[in-house]
Amino acid sequence: ALHDSRIQSVVCRQEGGAAMMADCH
C-alpha cells in the first residue's frame, strides 16, 4: 500500500535504530 502513497519509507538497518529515528522525529 505504501508503494502507491506519497509517504516516504526510510529503510533502516536494525529495528532499534529505526525506532530511535522515529523517536527523534
PDBML (XML) file of the C-alpha atoms, coordinates in Angstrom:
<?xml version="1.0" encoding="UTF-8" ?>
<PDBx:datablock datablockName="MODEL"
   xmlns:PDBx="http://pdbml.pdb.org/schema/pdbx-v50.xsd"
   xmlns:xsi="http://www.w3.org/2001/XMLSchema-instance"
   xsi:schemaLocation="http://pdbml.pdb.org/schema/pdbx-v50.xsd pdbx-v50.xsd">
   <PDBx:atom_siteCategory>
      <PDBx:atom_site id="1">
         <PDBx:B_iso_or_equiv>0.00</PDBx:B_iso_or_equiv>
         <PDBx:Cartn_x>0.000</PDBx:Cartn_x>
         <PDBx:Cartn_y>0.000</PDBx:Cartn_y>
         <PDBx:Cartn_z>0.000</PDBx:Cartn_z>
         <PDBx:auth_asym_id>A</PDBx:auth_asym_id>
         <PDBx:auth_atom_id>CA</PDBx:auth_atom_id>
         <PDBx:auth_comp_id>ALA</PDBx:auth_comp_id>
         <PDBx:auth_seq_id>1</PDBx:auth_seq_id>
         <PDBx:group_PDB>ATOM</PDBx:group_PDB>
         <PDBx:label_alt_id xsi:nil="true" />
         <PDBx:label_asym_id>A</PDBx:label_asym_id>
         <PDBx:label_atom_id>CA</PDBx:label_atom_id>
         <PDBx:label_comp_id>ALA</PDBx:label_comp_id>
         <PDBx:label_entity_id>1</PDBx:label_entity_id>
         <PDBx:label_seq_id>1</PDBx:label_seq_id>
         <PDBx:occupancy>1.00</PDBx:occupancy>
         <PDBx:pdbx_PDB_model_num>1</PDBx:pdbx_PDB_model_num>
         <PDBx:type_symbol>C</PDBx:type_symbol>
      </PDBx:atom_site>
      <PDBx:atom_site id="2">
         <PDBx:B_iso_or_equiv>0.00</PDBx:B_iso_or_equiv>
         <PDBx:Cartn_x>2.916</PDBx:Cartn_x>
         <PDBx:Cartn_y>2.354</PDBx:Cartn_y>
         <PDBx:Cartn_z>0.662</PDBx:Cartn_z>
         <PDBx:auth_asym_id>A</PDBx:auth_asym_id>
         <PDBx:auth_atom_id>CA</PDBx:auth_atom_id>
         <PDBx:auth_comp_id>LEU</PDBx:auth_comp_id>
         <PDBx:auth_seq_id>2</PDBx:auth_seq_id>
         <PDBx:group_PDB>ATOM</PDBx:group_PDB>
         <PDBx:label_alt_id xsi:nil="true" />
         <PDBx:label_asym_id>A</PDBx:label_asym_id>
         <PDBx:label_atom_id>CA</PDBx:label_atom_id>
         <PDBx:label_comp_id>LEU</PDBx:label_comp_id>
         <PDBx:label_entity_id>1</PDBx:label_entity_id>
         <PDBx:label_seq_id>2</PDBx:label_seq_id>
         <PDBx:occupancy>1.00</PDBx:occupancy>
         <PDBx:pdbx_PDB_model_num>1</PDBx:pdbx_PDB_model_num>
         <PDBx:type_symbol>C</PDBx:type_symbol>
      </PDBx:atom_site>
      <PDBx:atom_site id="3">
         <PDBx:B_iso_or_equiv>0.00</PDBx:B_iso_or_equiv>
         <PDBx:Cartn_x>4.090</PDBx:Cartn_x>
         <PDBx:Cartn_y>1.789</PDBx:Cartn_y>
         <PDBx:Cartn_z>-2.923</PDBx:Cartn_z>
         <PDBx:auth_asym_id>A</PDBx:auth_asym_id>
         <PDBx:auth_atom_id>CA</PDBx:auth_atom_id>
         <PDBx:auth_comp_id>HIS</PDBx:auth_comp_id>
         <PDBx:auth_seq_id>3</PDBx:auth_seq_id>
         <PDBx:group_PDB>ATOM</PDBx:group_PDB>
         <PDBx:label_alt_id xsi:nil="true" />
         <PDBx:label_asym_id>A</PDBx:label_asym_id>
         <PDBx:label_atom_id>CA</PDBx:label_atom_id>
         <PDBx:label_comp_id>HIS</PDBx:label_comp_id>
         <PDBx:label_entity_id>1</PDBx:label_entity_id>
         <PDBx:label_seq_id>3</PDBx:label_seq_id>
         <PDBx:occupancy>1.00</PDBx:occupancy>
         <PDBx:pdbx_PDB_model_num>1</PDBx:pdbx_PDB_model_num>
         <PDBx:type_symbol>C</PDBx:type_symbol>
      </PDBx:atom_site>
      <PDBx:atom_site id="4">
         <PDBx:B_iso_or_equiv>0.00</PDBx:B_iso_or_equiv>
         <PDBx:Cartn_x>1.221</PDBx:Cartn_x>
         <PDBx:Cartn_y>3.976</PDBx:Cartn_y>
         <PDBx:Cartn_z>-4.159</PDBx:Cartn_z>
         <PDBx:auth_asym_id>A</PDBx:auth_asym_id>
         <PDBx:auth_atom_id>CA</PDBx:auth_atom_id>
         <PDBx:auth_comp_id>ASP</PDBx:auth_comp_id>
         <PDBx:auth_seq_id>4</PDBx:auth_seq_id>
         <PDBx:group_PDB>ATOM</PDBx:group_PDB>
         <PDBx:label_alt_id xsi:nil="true" />
         <PDBx:label_asym_id>A</PDBx:label_asym_id>
         <PDBx:label_atom_id>CA</PDBx:label_atom_id>
         <PDBx:label_comp_id>ASP</PDBx:label_comp_id>
         <PDBx:label_entity_id>1</PDBx:label_entity_id>
         <PDBx:label_seq_id>4</PDBx:label_seq_id>
         <PDBx:occupancy>1.00</PDBx:occupancy>
         <PDBx:pdbx_PDB_model_num>1</PDBx:pdbx_PDB_model_num>
         <PDBx:type_symbol>C</PDBx:type_symbol>
      </PDBx:atom_site>
      <PDBx:atom_site id="5">
         <PDBx:B_iso_or_equiv>0.00</PDBx:B_iso_or_equiv>
         <PDBx:Cartn_x>1.428</PDBx:Cartn_x>
         <PDBx:Cartn_y>6.532</PDBx:Cartn_y>
         <PDBx:Cartn_z>-1.332</PDBx:Cartn_z>
         <PDBx:auth_asym_id>A</PDBx:auth_asym_id>
         <PDBx:auth_atom_id>CA</PDBx:auth_atom_id>
         <PDBx:auth_comp_id>SER</PDBx:auth_comp_id>
         <PDBx:auth_seq_id>5</PDBx:auth_seq_id>
         <PDBx:group_PDB>ATOM</PDBx:group_PDB>
         <PDBx:label_alt_id xsi:nil="true" />
         <PDBx:label_asym_id>A</PDBx:label_asym_id>
         <PDBx:label_atom_id>CA</PDBx:label_atom_id>
         <PDBx:label_comp_id>SER</PDBx:label_comp_id>
         <PDBx:label_entity_id>1</PDBx:label_entity_id>
         <PDBx:label_seq_id>5</PDBx:label_seq_id>
         <PDBx:occupancy>1.00</PDBx:occupancy>
         <PDBx:pdbx_PDB_model_num>1</PDBx:pdbx_PDB_model_num>
         <PDBx:type_symbol>C</PDBx:type_symbol>
      </PDBx:atom_site>
      <PDBx:atom_site id="6">
         <PDBx:B_iso_or_equiv>0.00</PDBx:B_iso_or_equiv>
         <PDBx:Cartn_x>3.178</PDBx:Cartn_x>
         <PDBx:Cartn_y>9.893</PDBx:Cartn_y>
         <PDBx:Cartn_z>-1.031</PDBx:Cartn_z>
         <PDBx:auth_asym_id>A</PDBx:auth_asym_id>
         <PDBx:auth_atom_id>CA</PDBx:auth_atom_id>
         <PDBx:auth_comp_id>ARG</PDBx:auth_comp_id>
         <PDBx:auth_seq_id>6</PDBx:auth_seq_id>
         <PDBx:group_PDB>ATOM</PDBx:group_PDB>
         <PDBx:label_alt_id xsi:nil="true" />
         <PDBx:label_asym_id>A</PDBx:label_asym_id>
         <PDBx:label_atom_id>CA</PDBx:label_atom_id>
         <PDBx:label_comp_id>ARG</PDBx:label_comp_id>
         <PDBx:label_entity_id>1</PDBx:label_entity_id>
         <PDBx:label_seq_id>6</PDBx:label_seq_id>
         <PDBx:occupancy>1.00</PDBx:occupancy>
         <PDBx:pdbx_PDB_model_num>1</PDBx:pdbx_PDB_model_num>
         <PDBx:type_symbol>C</PDBx:type_symbol>
      </PDBx:atom_site>
      <PDBx:atom_site id="7">
         <PDBx:B_iso_or_equiv>0.00</PDBx:B_iso_or_equiv>
         <PDBx:Cartn_x>4.645</PDBx:Cartn_x>
         <PDBx:Cartn_y>8.660</PDBx:Cartn_y>
         <PDBx:Cartn_z>2.279</PDBx:Cartn_z>
         <PDBx:auth_asym_id>A</PDBx:auth_asym_id>
         <PDBx:auth_atom_id>CA</PDBx:auth_atom_id>
         <PDBx:auth_comp_id>ILE</PDBx:auth_comp_id>
         <PDBx:auth_seq_id>7</PDBx:auth_seq_id>
         <PDBx:group_PDB>ATOM</PDBx:group_PDB>
         <PDBx:label_alt_id xsi:nil="true" />
         <PDBx:label_asym_id>A</PDBx:label_asym_id>
         <PDBx:label_atom_id>CA</PDBx:label_atom_id>
         <PDBx:label_comp_id>ILE</PDBx:label_comp_id>
         <PDBx:label_entity_id>1</PDBx:label_entity_id>
         <PDBx:label_seq_id>7</PDBx:label_seq_id>
         <PDBx:occupancy>1.00</PDBx:occupancy>
         <PDBx:pdbx_PDB_model_num>1</PDBx:pdbx_PDB_model_num>
         <PDBx:type_symbol>C</PDBx:type_symbol>
      </PDBx:atom_site>
      <PDBx:atom_site id="8">
         <PDBx:B_iso_or_equiv>0.00</PDBx:B_iso_or_equiv>
         <PDBx:Cartn_x>8.406</PDBx:Cartn_x>
         <PDBx:Cartn_y>8.086</PDBx:Cartn_y>
         <PDBx:Cartn_z>2.128</PDBx:Cartn_z>
         <PDBx:auth_asym_id>A</PDBx:auth_asym_id>
         <PDBx:auth_atom_id>CA</PDBx:auth_atom_id>
         <PDBx:auth_comp_id>GLN</PDBx:auth_comp_id>
         <PDBx:auth_seq_id>8</PDBx:auth_seq_id>
         <PDBx:group_PDB>ATOM</PDBx:group_PDB>
         <PDBx:label_alt_id xsi:nil="true" />
         <PDBx:label_asym_id>A</PDBx:label_asym_id>
         <PDBx:label_atom_id>CA</PDBx:label_atom_id>
         <PDBx:label_comp_id>GLN</PDBx:label_comp_id>
         <PDBx:label_entity_id>1</PDBx:label_entity_id>
         <PDBx:label_seq_id>8</PDBx:label_seq_id>
         <PDBx:occupancy>1.00</PDBx:occupancy>
         <PDBx:pdbx_PDB_model_num>1</PDBx:pdbx_PDB_model_num>
         <PDBx:type_symbol>C</PDBx:type_symbol>
      </PDBx:atom_site>
      <PDBx:atom_site id="9">
         <PDBx:B_iso_or_equiv>0.00</PDBx:B_iso_or_equiv>
         <PDBx:Cartn_x>9.753</PDBx:Cartn_x>
         <PDBx:Cartn_y>4.836</PDBx:Cartn_y>
         <PDBx:Cartn_z>3.538</PDBx:Cartn_z>
         <PDBx:auth_asym_id>A</PDBx:auth_asym_id>
         <PDBx:auth_atom_id>CA</PDBx:auth_atom_id>
         <PDBx:auth_comp_id>SER</PDBx:auth_comp_id>
         <PDBx:auth_seq_id>9</PDBx:auth_seq_id>
         <PDBx:group_PDB>ATOM</PDBx:group_PDB>
         <PDBx:label_alt_id xsi:nil="true" />
         <PDBx:label_asym_id>A</PDBx:label_asym_id>
         <PDBx:label_atom_id>CA</PDBx:label_atom_id>
         <PDBx:label_comp_id>SER</PDBx:label_comp_id>
         <PDBx:label_entity_id>1</PDBx:label_entity_id>
         <PDBx:label_seq_id>9</PDBx:label_seq_id>
         <PDBx:occupancy>1.00</PDBx:occupancy>
         <PDBx:pdbx_PDB_model_num>1</PDBx:pdbx_PDB_model_num>
         <PDBx:type_symbol>C</PDBx:type_symbol>
      </PDBx:atom_site>
      <PDBx:atom_site id="10">
         <PDBx:B_iso_or_equiv>0.00</PDBx:B_iso_or_equiv>
         <PDBx:Cartn_x>13.133</PDBx:Cartn_x>
         <PDBx:Cartn_y>5.274</PDBx:Cartn_y>
         <PDBx:Cartn_z>5.219</PDBx:Cartn_z>
         <PDBx:auth_asym_id>A</PDBx:auth_asym_id>
         <PDBx:auth_atom_id>CA</PDBx:auth_atom_id>
         <PDBx:auth_comp_id>VAL</PDBx:auth_comp_id>
         <PDBx:auth_seq_id>10</PDBx:auth_seq_id>
         <PDBx:group_PDB>ATOM</PDBx:group_PDB>
         <PDBx:label_alt_id xsi:nil="true" />
         <PDBx:label_asym_id>A</PDBx:label_asym_id>
         <PDBx:label_atom_id>CA</PDBx:label_atom_id>
         <PDBx:label_comp_id>VAL</PDBx:label_comp_id>
         <PDBx:label_entity_id>1</PDBx:label_entity_id>
         <PDBx:label_seq_id>10</PDBx:label_seq_id>
         <PDBx:occupancy>1.00</PDBx:occupancy>
         <PDBx:pdbx_PDB_model_num>1</PDBx:pdbx_PDB_model_num>
         <PDBx:type_symbol>C</PDBx:type_symbol>
      </PDBx:atom_site>
      <PDBx:atom_site id="11">
         <PDBx:B_iso_or_equiv>0.00</PDBx:B_iso_or_equiv>
         <PDBx:Cartn_x>14.712</PDBx:Cartn_x>
         <PDBx:Cartn_y>1.820</PDBx:Cartn_y>
         <PDBx:Cartn_z>5.196</PDBx:Cartn_z>
         <PDBx:auth_asym_id>A</PDBx:auth_asym_id>
         <PDBx:auth_atom_id>CA</PDBx:auth_atom_id>
         <PDBx:auth_comp_id>VAL</PDBx:auth_comp_id>
         <PDBx:auth_seq_id>11</PDBx:auth_seq_id>
         <PDBx:group_PDB>ATOM</PDBx:group_PDB>
         <PDBx:label_alt_id xsi:nil="true" />
         <PDBx:label_asym_id>A</PDBx:label_asym_id>
         <PDBx:label_atom_id>CA</PDBx:label_atom_id>
         <PDBx:label_comp_id>VAL</PDBx:label_comp_id>
         <PDBx:label_entity_id>1</PDBx:label_entity_id>
         <PDBx:label_seq_id>11</PDBx:label_seq_id>
         <PDBx:occupancy>1.00</PDBx:occupancy>
         <PDBx:pdbx_PDB_model_num>1</PDBx:pdbx_PDB_model_num>
         <PDBx:type_symbol>C</PDBx:type_symbol>
      </PDBx:atom_site>
      <PDBx:atom_site id="12">
         <PDBx:B_iso_or_equiv>0.00</PDBx:B_iso_or_equiv>
         <PDBx:Cartn_x>16.924</PDBx:Cartn_x>
         <PDBx:Cartn_y>1.216</PDBx:Cartn_y>
         <PDBx:Cartn_z>8.241</PDBx:Cartn_z>
         <PDBx:auth_asym_id>A</PDBx:auth_asym_id>
         <PDBx:auth_atom_id>CA</PDBx:auth_atom_id>
         <PDBx:auth_comp_id>CYS</PDBx:auth_comp_id>
         <PDBx:auth_seq_id>12</PDBx:auth_seq_id>
         <PDBx:group_PDB>ATOM</PDBx:group_PDB>
         <PDBx:label_alt_id xsi:nil="true" />
         <PDBx:label_asym_id>A</PDBx:label_asym_id>
         <PDBx:label_atom_id>CA</PDBx:label_atom_id>
         <PDBx:label_comp_id>CYS</PDBx:label_comp_id>
         <PDBx:label_entity_id>1</PDBx:label_entity_id>
         <PDBx:label_seq_id>12</PDBx:label_seq_id>
         <PDBx:occupancy>1.00</PDBx:occupancy>
         <PDBx:pdbx_PDB_model_num>1</PDBx:pdbx_PDB_model_num>
         <PDBx:type_symbol>C</PDBx:type_symbol>
      </PDBx:atom_site>
      <PDBx:atom_site id="13">
         <PDBx:B_iso_or_equiv>0.00</PDBx:B_iso_or_equiv>
         <PDBx:Cartn_x>19.487</PDBx:Cartn_x>
         <PDBx:Cartn_y>-1.446</PDBx:Cartn_y>
         <PDBx:Cartn_z>9.115</PDBx:Cartn_z>
         <PDBx:auth_asym_id>A</PDBx:auth_asym_id>
         <PDBx:auth_atom_id>CA</PDBx:auth_atom_id>
         <PDBx:auth_comp_id>ARG</PDBx:auth_comp_id>
         <PDBx:auth_seq_id>13</PDBx:auth_seq_id>
         <PDBx:group_PDB>ATOM</PDBx:group_PDB>
         <PDBx:label_alt_id xsi:nil="true" />
         <PDBx:label_asym_id>A</PDBx:label_asym_id>
         <PDBx:label_atom_id>CA</PDBx:label_atom_id>
         <PDBx:label_comp_id>ARG</PDBx:label_comp_id>
         <PDBx:label_entity_id>1</PDBx:label_entity_id>
         <PDBx:label_seq_id>13</PDBx:label_seq_id>
         <PDBx:occupancy>1.00</PDBx:occupancy>
         <PDBx:pdbx_PDB_model_num>1</PDBx:pdbx_PDB_model_num>
         <PDBx:type_symbol>C</PDBx:type_symbol>
      </PDBx:atom_site>
      <PDBx:atom_site id="14">
         <PDBx:B_iso_or_equiv>0.00</PDBx:B_iso_or_equiv>
         <PDBx:Cartn_x>18.262</PDBx:Cartn_x>
         <PDBx:Cartn_y>-2.539</PDBx:Cartn_y>
         <PDBx:Cartn_z>12.540</PDBx:Cartn_z>
         <PDBx:auth_asym_id>A</PDBx:auth_asym_id>
         <PDBx:auth_atom_id>CA</PDBx:auth_atom_id>
         <PDBx:auth_comp_id>GLN</PDBx:auth_comp_id>
         <PDBx:auth_seq_id>14</PDBx:auth_seq_id>
         <PDBx:group_PDB>ATOM</PDBx:group_PDB>
         <PDBx:label_alt_id xsi:nil="true" />
         <PDBx:label_asym_id>A</PDBx:label_asym_id>
         <PDBx:label_atom_id>CA</PDBx:label_atom_id>
         <PDBx:label_comp_id>GLN</PDBx:label_comp_id>
         <PDBx:label_entity_id>1</PDBx:label_entity_id>
         <PDBx:label_seq_id>14</PDBx:label_seq_id>
         <PDBx:occupancy>1.00</PDBx:occupancy>
         <PDBx:pdbx_PDB_model_num>1</PDBx:pdbx_PDB_model_num>
         <PDBx:type_symbol>C</PDBx:type_symbol>
      </PDBx:atom_site>
      <PDBx:atom_site id="15">
         <PDBx:B_iso_or_equiv>0.00</PDBx:B_iso_or_equiv>
         <PDBx:Cartn_x>14.934</PDBx:Cartn_x>
         <PDBx:Cartn_y>-2.154</PDBx:Cartn_y>
         <PDBx:Cartn_z>14.282</PDBx:Cartn_z>
         <PDBx:auth_asym_id>A</PDBx:auth_asym_id>
         <PDBx:auth_atom_id>CA</PDBx:auth_atom_id>
         <PDBx:auth_comp_id>GLU</PDBx:auth_comp_id>
         <PDBx:auth_seq_id>15</PDBx:auth_seq_id>
         <PDBx:group_PDB>ATOM</PDBx:group_PDB>
         <PDBx:label_alt_id xsi:nil="true" />
         <PDBx:label_asym_id>A</PDBx:label_asym_id>
         <PDBx:label_atom_id>CA</PDBx:label_atom_id>
         <PDBx:label_comp_id>GLU</PDBx:label_comp_id>
         <PDBx:label_entity_id>1</PDBx:label_entity_id>
         <PDBx:label_seq_id>15</PDBx:label_seq_id>
         <PDBx:occupancy>1.00</PDBx:occupancy>
         <PDBx:pdbx_PDB_model_num>1</PDBx:pdbx_PDB_model_num>
         <PDBx:type_symbol>C</PDBx:type_symbol>
      </PDBx:atom_site>
      <PDBx:atom_site id="16">
         <PDBx:B_iso_or_equiv>0.00</PDBx:B_iso_or_equiv>
         <PDBx:Cartn_x>16.439</PDBx:Cartn_x>
         <PDBx:Cartn_y>-0.410</PDBx:Cartn_y>
         <PDBx:Cartn_z>17.312</PDBx:Cartn_z>
         <PDBx:auth_asym_id>A</PDBx:auth_asym_id>
         <PDBx:auth_atom_id>CA</PDBx:auth_atom_id>
         <PDBx:auth_comp_id>GLY</PDBx:auth_comp_id>
         <PDBx:auth_seq_id>16</PDBx:auth_seq_id>
         <PDBx:group_PDB>ATOM</PDBx:group_PDB>
         <PDBx:label_alt_id xsi:nil="true" />
         <PDBx:label_asym_id>A</PDBx:label_asym_id>
         <PDBx:label_atom_id>CA</PDBx:label_atom_id>
         <PDBx:label_comp_id>GLY</PDBx:label_comp_id>
         <PDBx:label_entity_id>1</PDBx:label_entity_id>
         <PDBx:label_seq_id>16</PDBx:label_seq_id>
         <PDBx:occupancy>1.00</PDBx:occupancy>
         <PDBx:pdbx_PDB_model_num>1</PDBx:pdbx_PDB_model_num>
         <PDBx:type_symbol>C</PDBx:type_symbol>
      </PDBx:atom_site>
      <PDBx:atom_site id="17">
         <PDBx:B_iso_or_equiv>0.00</PDBx:B_iso_or_equiv>
         <PDBx:Cartn_x>17.859</PDBx:Cartn_x>
         <PDBx:Cartn_y>2.260</PDBx:Cartn_y>
         <PDBx:Cartn_z>15.013</PDBx:Cartn_z>
         <PDBx:auth_asym_id>A</PDBx:auth_asym_id>
         <PDBx:auth_atom_id>CA</PDBx:auth_atom_id>
         <PDBx:auth_comp_id>GLY</PDBx:auth_comp_id>
         <PDBx:auth_seq_id>17</PDBx:auth_seq_id>
         <PDBx:group_PDB>ATOM</PDBx:group_PDB>
         <PDBx:label_alt_id xsi:nil="true" />
         <PDBx:label_asym_id>A</PDBx:label_asym_id>
         <PDBx:label_atom_id>CA</PDBx:label_atom_id>
         <PDBx:label_comp_id>GLY</PDBx:label_comp_id>
         <PDBx:label_entity_id>1</PDBx:label_entity_id>
         <PDBx:label_seq_id>17</PDBx:label_seq_id>
         <PDBx:occupancy>1.00</PDBx:occupancy>
         <PDBx:pdbx_PDB_model_num>1</PDBx:pdbx_PDB_model_num>
         <PDBx:type_symbol>C</PDBx:type_symbol>
      </PDBx:atom_site>
      <PDBx:atom_site id="18">
         <PDBx:B_iso_or_equiv>0.00</PDBx:B_iso_or_equiv>
         <PDBx:Cartn_x>14.538</PDBx:Cartn_x>
         <PDBx:Cartn_y>2.588</PDBx:Cartn_y>
         <PDBx:Cartn_z>13.192</PDBx:Cartn_z>
         <PDBx:auth_asym_id>A</PDBx:auth_asym_id>
         <PDBx:auth_atom_id>CA</PDBx:auth_atom_id>
         <PDBx:auth_comp_id>ALA</PDBx:auth_comp_id>
         <PDBx:auth_seq_id>18</PDBx:auth_seq_id>
         <PDBx:group_PDB>ATOM</PDBx:group_PDB>
         <PDBx:label_alt_id xsi:nil="true" />
         <PDBx:label_asym_id>A</PDBx:label_asym_id>
         <PDBx:label_atom_id>CA</PDBx:label_atom_id>
         <PDBx:label_comp_id>ALA</PDBx:label_comp_id>
         <PDBx:label_entity_id>1</PDBx:label_entity_id>
         <PDBx:label_seq_id>18</PDBx:label_seq_id>
         <PDBx:occupancy>1.00</PDBx:occupancy>
         <PDBx:pdbx_PDB_model_num>1</PDBx:pdbx_PDB_model_num>
         <PDBx:type_symbol>C</PDBx:type_symbol>
      </PDBx:atom_site>
      <PDBx:atom_site id="19">
         <PDBx:B_iso_or_equiv>0.00</PDBx:B_iso_or_equiv>
         <PDBx:Cartn_x>12.658</PDBx:Cartn_x>
         <PDBx:Cartn_y>3.099</PDBx:Cartn_y>
         <PDBx:Cartn_z>16.466</PDBx:Cartn_z>
         <PDBx:auth_asym_id>A</PDBx:auth_asym_id>
         <PDBx:auth_atom_id>CA</PDBx:auth_atom_id>
         <PDBx:auth_comp_id>ALA</PDBx:auth_comp_id>
         <PDBx:auth_seq_id>19</PDBx:auth_seq_id>
         <PDBx:group_PDB>ATOM</PDBx:group_PDB>
         <PDBx:label_alt_id xsi:nil="true" />
         <PDBx:label_asym_id>A</PDBx:label_asym_id>
         <PDBx:label_atom_id>CA</PDBx:label_atom_id>
         <PDBx:label_comp_id>ALA</PDBx:label_comp_id>
         <PDBx:label_entity_id>1</PDBx:label_entity_id>
         <PDBx:label_seq_id>19</PDBx:label_seq_id>
         <PDBx:occupancy>1.00</PDBx:occupancy>
         <PDBx:pdbx_PDB_model_num>1</PDBx:pdbx_PDB_model_num>
         <PDBx:type_symbol>C</PDBx:type_symbol>
      </PDBx:atom_site>
      <PDBx:atom_site id="20">
         <PDBx:B_iso_or_equiv>0.00</PDBx:B_iso_or_equiv>
         <PDBx:Cartn_x>15.217</PDBx:Cartn_x>
         <PDBx:Cartn_y>5.679</PDBx:Cartn_y>
         <PDBx:Cartn_z>17.621</PDBx:Cartn_z>
         <PDBx:auth_asym_id>A</PDBx:auth_asym_id>
         <PDBx:auth_atom_id>CA</PDBx:auth_atom_id>
         <PDBx:auth_comp_id>MET</PDBx:auth_comp_id>
         <PDBx:auth_seq_id>20</PDBx:auth_seq_id>
         <PDBx:group_PDB>ATOM</PDBx:group_PDB>
         <PDBx:label_alt_id xsi:nil="true" />
         <PDBx:label_asym_id>A</PDBx:label_asym_id>
         <PDBx:label_atom_id>CA</PDBx:label_atom_id>
         <PDBx:label_comp_id>MET</PDBx:label_comp_id>
         <PDBx:label_entity_id>1</PDBx:label_entity_id>
         <PDBx:label_seq_id>20</PDBx:label_seq_id>
         <PDBx:occupancy>1.00</PDBx:occupancy>
         <PDBx:pdbx_PDB_model_num>1</PDBx:pdbx_PDB_model_num>
         <PDBx:type_symbol>C</PDBx:type_symbol>
      </PDBx:atom_site>
      <PDBx:atom_site id="21">
         <PDBx:B_iso_or_equiv>0.00</PDBx:B_iso_or_equiv>
         <PDBx:Cartn_x>14.771</PDBx:Cartn_x>
         <PDBx:Cartn_y>7.551</PDBx:Cartn_y>
         <PDBx:Cartn_z>14.336</PDBx:Cartn_z>
         <PDBx:auth_asym_id>A</PDBx:auth_asym_id>
         <PDBx:auth_atom_id>CA</PDBx:auth_atom_id>
         <PDBx:auth_comp_id>MET</PDBx:auth_comp_id>
         <PDBx:auth_seq_id>21</PDBx:auth_seq_id>
         <PDBx:group_PDB>ATOM</PDBx:group_PDB>
         <PDBx:label_alt_id xsi:nil="true" />
         <PDBx:label_asym_id>A</PDBx:label_asym_id>
         <PDBx:label_atom_id>CA</PDBx:label_atom_id>
         <PDBx:label_comp_id>MET</PDBx:label_comp_id>
         <PDBx:label_entity_id>1</PDBx:label_entity_id>
         <PDBx:label_seq_id>21</PDBx:label_seq_id>
         <PDBx:occupancy>1.00</PDBx:occupancy>
         <PDBx:pdbx_PDB_model_num>1</PDBx:pdbx_PDB_model_num>
         <PDBx:type_symbol>C</PDBx:type_symbol>
      </PDBx:atom_site>
      <PDBx:atom_site id="22">
         <PDBx:B_iso_or_equiv>0.00</PDBx:B_iso_or_equiv>
         <PDBx:Cartn_x>11.023</PDBx:Cartn_x>
         <PDBx:Cartn_y>7.578</PDBx:Cartn_y>
         <PDBx:Cartn_z>14.952</PDBx:Cartn_z>
         <PDBx:auth_asym_id>A</PDBx:auth_asym_id>
         <PDBx:auth_atom_id>CA</PDBx:auth_atom_id>
         <PDBx:auth_comp_id>ALA</PDBx:auth_comp_id>
         <PDBx:auth_seq_id>22</PDBx:auth_seq_id>
         <PDBx:group_PDB>ATOM</PDBx:group_PDB>
         <PDBx:label_alt_id xsi:nil="true" />
         <PDBx:label_asym_id>A</PDBx:label_asym_id>
         <PDBx:label_atom_id>CA</PDBx:label_atom_id>
         <PDBx:label_comp_id>ALA</PDBx:label_comp_id>
         <PDBx:label_entity_id>1</PDBx:label_entity_id>
         <PDBx:label_seq_id>22</PDBx:label_seq_id>
         <PDBx:occupancy>1.00</PDBx:occupancy>
         <PDBx:pdbx_PDB_model_num>1</PDBx:pdbx_PDB_model_num>
         <PDBx:type_symbol>C</PDBx:type_symbol>
      </PDBx:atom_site>
      <PDBx:atom_site id="23">
         <PDBx:B_iso_or_equiv>0.00</PDBx:B_iso_or_equiv>
         <PDBx:Cartn_x>11.662</PDBx:Cartn_x>
         <PDBx:Cartn_y>8.877</PDBx:Cartn_y>
         <PDBx:Cartn_z>18.471</PDBx:Cartn_z>
         <PDBx:auth_asym_id>A</PDBx:auth_asym_id>
         <PDBx:auth_atom_id>CA</PDBx:auth_atom_id>
         <PDBx:auth_comp_id>ASP</PDBx:auth_comp_id>
         <PDBx:auth_seq_id>23</PDBx:auth_seq_id>
         <PDBx:group_PDB>ATOM</PDBx:group_PDB>
         <PDBx:label_alt_id xsi:nil="true" />
         <PDBx:label_asym_id>A</PDBx:label_asym_id>
         <PDBx:label_atom_id>CA</PDBx:label_atom_id>
         <PDBx:label_comp_id>ASP</PDBx:label_comp_id>
         <PDBx:label_entity_id>1</PDBx:label_entity_id>
         <PDBx:label_seq_id>23</PDBx:label_seq_id>
         <PDBx:occupancy>1.00</PDBx:occupancy>
         <PDBx:pdbx_PDB_model_num>1</PDBx:pdbx_PDB_model_num>
         <PDBx:type_symbol>C</PDBx:type_symbol>
      </PDBx:atom_site>
      <PDBx:atom_site id="24">
         <PDBx:B_iso_or_equiv>0.00</PDBx:B_iso_or_equiv>
         <PDBx:Cartn_x>13.870</PDBx:Cartn_x>
         <PDBx:Cartn_y>11.679</PDBx:Cartn_y>
         <PDBx:Cartn_z>17.129</PDBx:Cartn_z>
         <PDBx:auth_asym_id>A</PDBx:auth_asym_id>
         <PDBx:auth_atom_id>CA</PDBx:auth_atom_id>
         <PDBx:auth_comp_id>CYS</PDBx:auth_comp_id>
         <PDBx:auth_seq_id>24</PDBx:auth_seq_id>
         <PDBx:group_PDB>ATOM</PDBx:group_PDB>
         <PDBx:label_alt_id xsi:nil="true" />
         <PDBx:label_asym_id>A</PDBx:label_asym_id>
         <PDBx:label_atom_id>CA</PDBx:label_atom_id>
         <PDBx:label_comp_id>CYS</PDBx:label_comp_id>
         <PDBx:label_entity_id>1</PDBx:label_entity_id>
         <PDBx:label_seq_id>24</PDBx:label_seq_id>
         <PDBx:occupancy>1.00</PDBx:occupancy>
         <PDBx:pdbx_PDB_model_num>1</PDBx:pdbx_PDB_model_num>
         <PDBx:type_symbol>C</PDBx:type_symbol>
      </PDBx:atom_site>
      <PDBx:atom_site id="25">
         <PDBx:B_iso_or_equiv>0.00</PDBx:B_iso_or_equiv>
         <PDBx:Cartn_x>11.174</PDBx:Cartn_x>
         <PDBx:Cartn_y>12.551</PDBx:Cartn_y>
         <PDBx:Cartn_z>14.575</PDBx:Cartn_z>
         <PDBx:auth_asym_id>A</PDBx:auth_asym_id>
         <PDBx:auth_atom_id>CA</PDBx:auth_atom_id>
         <PDBx:auth_comp_id>HIS</PDBx:auth_comp_id>
         <PDBx:auth_seq_id>25</PDBx:auth_seq_id>
         <PDBx:group_PDB>ATOM</PDBx:group_PDB>
         <PDBx:label_alt_id xsi:nil="true" />
         <PDBx:label_asym_id>A</PDBx:label_asym_id>
         <PDBx:label_atom_id>CA</PDBx:label_atom_id>
         <PDBx:label_comp_id>HIS</PDBx:label_comp_id>
         <PDBx:label_entity_id>1</PDBx:label_entity_id>
         <PDBx:label_seq_id>25</PDBx:label_seq_id>
         <PDBx:occupancy>1.00</PDBx:occupancy>
         <PDBx:pdbx_PDB_model_num>1</PDBx:pdbx_PDB_model_num>
         <PDBx:type_symbol>C</PDBx:type_symbol>
      </PDBx:atom_site>
   </PDBx:atom_siteCategory>
</PDBx:datablock>
